[in-house]
Protein backbone atom coordinates (compact mmCIF):
# COMPACT_ATOMS: atom_id res chain seq x y z
CA MET A 1 -60.93 107.26 -133.78
CA ALA A 2 -59.19 109.18 -136.54
CA VAL A 3 -60.35 111.37 -139.38
CA PHE A 4 -57.88 112.27 -142.08
CA SER A 5 -58.22 114.59 -145.03
CA TRP A 6 -55.92 115.90 -147.70
CA TYR A 7 -56.79 119.38 -148.88
CA ASN A 8 -54.19 120.10 -151.54
CA SER A 9 -50.86 118.87 -152.82
CA LEU A 10 -48.90 120.85 -150.24
CA ALA A 11 -50.97 120.56 -147.05
CA MET A 12 -52.91 118.01 -144.99
CA ARG A 13 -55.25 117.98 -142.02
CA ALA A 14 -55.97 115.16 -139.65
CA SER A 15 -57.83 114.59 -136.40
CA PHE A 16 -57.23 111.77 -133.96
CA GLU A 17 -58.12 110.77 -130.45
CA VAL A 18 -55.77 109.76 -127.63
CA ARG A 19 -57.13 108.80 -124.23
CA ASP A 20 -60.52 110.39 -124.92
CA ARG A 21 -58.95 113.69 -126.04
CA VAL A 22 -59.24 114.90 -129.62
CA TYR A 23 -56.26 116.44 -131.41
CA ASP A 24 -56.08 118.19 -134.77
CA ILE A 25 -53.02 118.61 -136.92
CA GLU A 26 -52.32 120.80 -139.91
CA ILE A 27 -49.35 119.72 -141.96
CA ALA A 28 -47.83 121.82 -144.74
CA LEU A 29 -44.86 121.17 -146.98
CA GLY A 30 -41.83 123.10 -145.75
CA ASP A 31 -38.54 124.07 -147.29
CA LYS A 32 -36.15 121.18 -147.78
CA PRO A 33 -32.50 121.96 -147.23
CA GLU A 34 -30.49 120.67 -150.17
CA GLU A 35 -28.48 118.27 -148.02
CA ASP A 36 -31.51 116.86 -146.16
CA LYS A 37 -32.67 113.39 -147.20
CA PHE A 38 -36.19 113.89 -145.79
CA GLU A 39 -39.24 115.74 -147.09
CA ILE A 40 -39.87 118.45 -144.52
CA TYR A 41 -43.39 119.27 -143.31
CA ARG A 42 -44.32 121.94 -140.77
CA VAL A 43 -46.99 120.79 -138.35
CA VAL A 44 -49.34 122.53 -135.94
CA LEU A 45 -50.74 120.24 -133.24
CA ARG A 46 -53.87 121.46 -131.39
CA ASP A 47 -55.80 119.86 -128.56
CA ALA A 48 -59.54 120.21 -127.93
CA GLU A 49 -58.98 123.26 -125.69
CA GLY A 50 -57.12 125.07 -128.48
CA ALA A 51 -53.60 124.81 -127.05
CA GLN A 52 -51.18 124.45 -129.91
CA VAL A 53 -47.60 123.34 -130.45
CA ASN A 54 -45.63 123.82 -133.67
CA GLY A 55 -43.06 121.36 -134.91
CA THR A 56 -41.51 119.59 -137.87
CA LEU A 57 -42.17 116.21 -139.40
CA LYS A 58 -39.49 114.66 -141.59
CA LEU A 59 -40.95 112.09 -143.97
CA THR A 60 -38.69 109.45 -145.47
CA LYS A 61 -38.76 108.69 -149.18
CA THR A 62 -39.84 105.16 -148.32
CA ALA A 63 -42.86 106.49 -146.42
CA ILE A 64 -43.88 108.66 -149.36
CA LEU A 65 -43.47 105.76 -151.82
CA LEU A 66 -45.49 103.45 -149.57
CA ALA A 67 -48.26 106.05 -149.31
CA GLU A 68 -48.39 106.20 -153.11
CA GLN A 69 -48.45 102.40 -153.31
CA LYS A 70 -51.22 102.04 -150.70
CA ALA A 71 -53.30 104.70 -152.44
CA GLY A 72 -53.03 102.75 -155.69
CA GLU A 73 -53.81 99.40 -154.08
CA GLU A 74 -56.32 100.29 -151.37
CA GLY A 75 -57.76 103.62 -152.52
CA GLY A 76 -57.57 107.13 -151.19
CA THR A 77 -54.81 109.55 -152.02
CA PRO A 78 -51.15 109.47 -151.05
CA GLY A 79 -51.84 112.54 -148.91
CA GLU A 80 -54.52 110.71 -146.94
CA TRP A 81 -52.10 107.88 -146.25
CA LEU A 82 -49.38 110.33 -145.22
CA ALA A 83 -51.78 112.24 -142.96
CA ARG A 84 -52.81 108.96 -141.35
CA GLY A 85 -49.16 108.04 -140.73
CA CYS A 86 -48.35 111.46 -139.29
CA GLY A 87 -51.39 111.26 -137.02
CA ARG A 88 -50.39 107.78 -135.82
CA SER A 89 -46.87 108.94 -135.06
CA LEU A 90 -48.04 111.98 -133.12
CA ALA A 91 -50.66 109.96 -131.25
CA ALA A 92 -47.96 107.53 -130.12
CA GLU A 93 -45.77 110.41 -129.00
CA ILE A 94 -48.63 111.99 -127.04
CA VAL A 95 -49.11 108.71 -125.15
CA ILE A 96 -45.45 108.86 -124.07
CA ARG A 97 -45.12 112.60 -123.47
CA ARG A 98 -46.58 115.87 -124.68
CA PRO A 99 -44.64 117.28 -127.67
CA LYS A 100 -42.71 120.44 -126.82
CA PRO A 101 -42.48 123.56 -129.02
CA ASP A 102 -40.31 123.07 -132.10
CA PHE A 103 -40.47 119.27 -131.82
CA SER A 104 -39.10 117.24 -134.72
CA PHE A 105 -39.98 113.65 -135.62
CA VAL A 106 -39.03 111.35 -138.47
CA ILE A 107 -42.01 109.59 -140.04
CA ASP A 108 -40.94 106.40 -141.77
CA HIS A 109 -42.83 103.70 -143.65
CA ARG A 110 -43.84 101.86 -140.47
CA TRP A 111 -46.41 104.61 -139.67
CA ILE A 112 -48.09 104.46 -143.08
């Protein structure tokens, strides 16, 4: 089960479930170093008990373009599609191992 919402042009929220545990994420646009090819988003991952871990998500240009395309073709906003992709990526990571503080993941078009 996943619930995704976009709340402005710079930030997103999403909730998702992994192995009967609910997680919430807050994602906000971060500063992009000039030489970096990714759009940088800061993320806060919280579990149902309130434990939180902060990290970084690096979104590829292809992921952002695909989110815009899907929004146009299937409805919703690009932010909703991006939030969904970020949630999917983090859910997959949680299945493998618990993200550690200051984690960093690249989110490409395959998650959108």
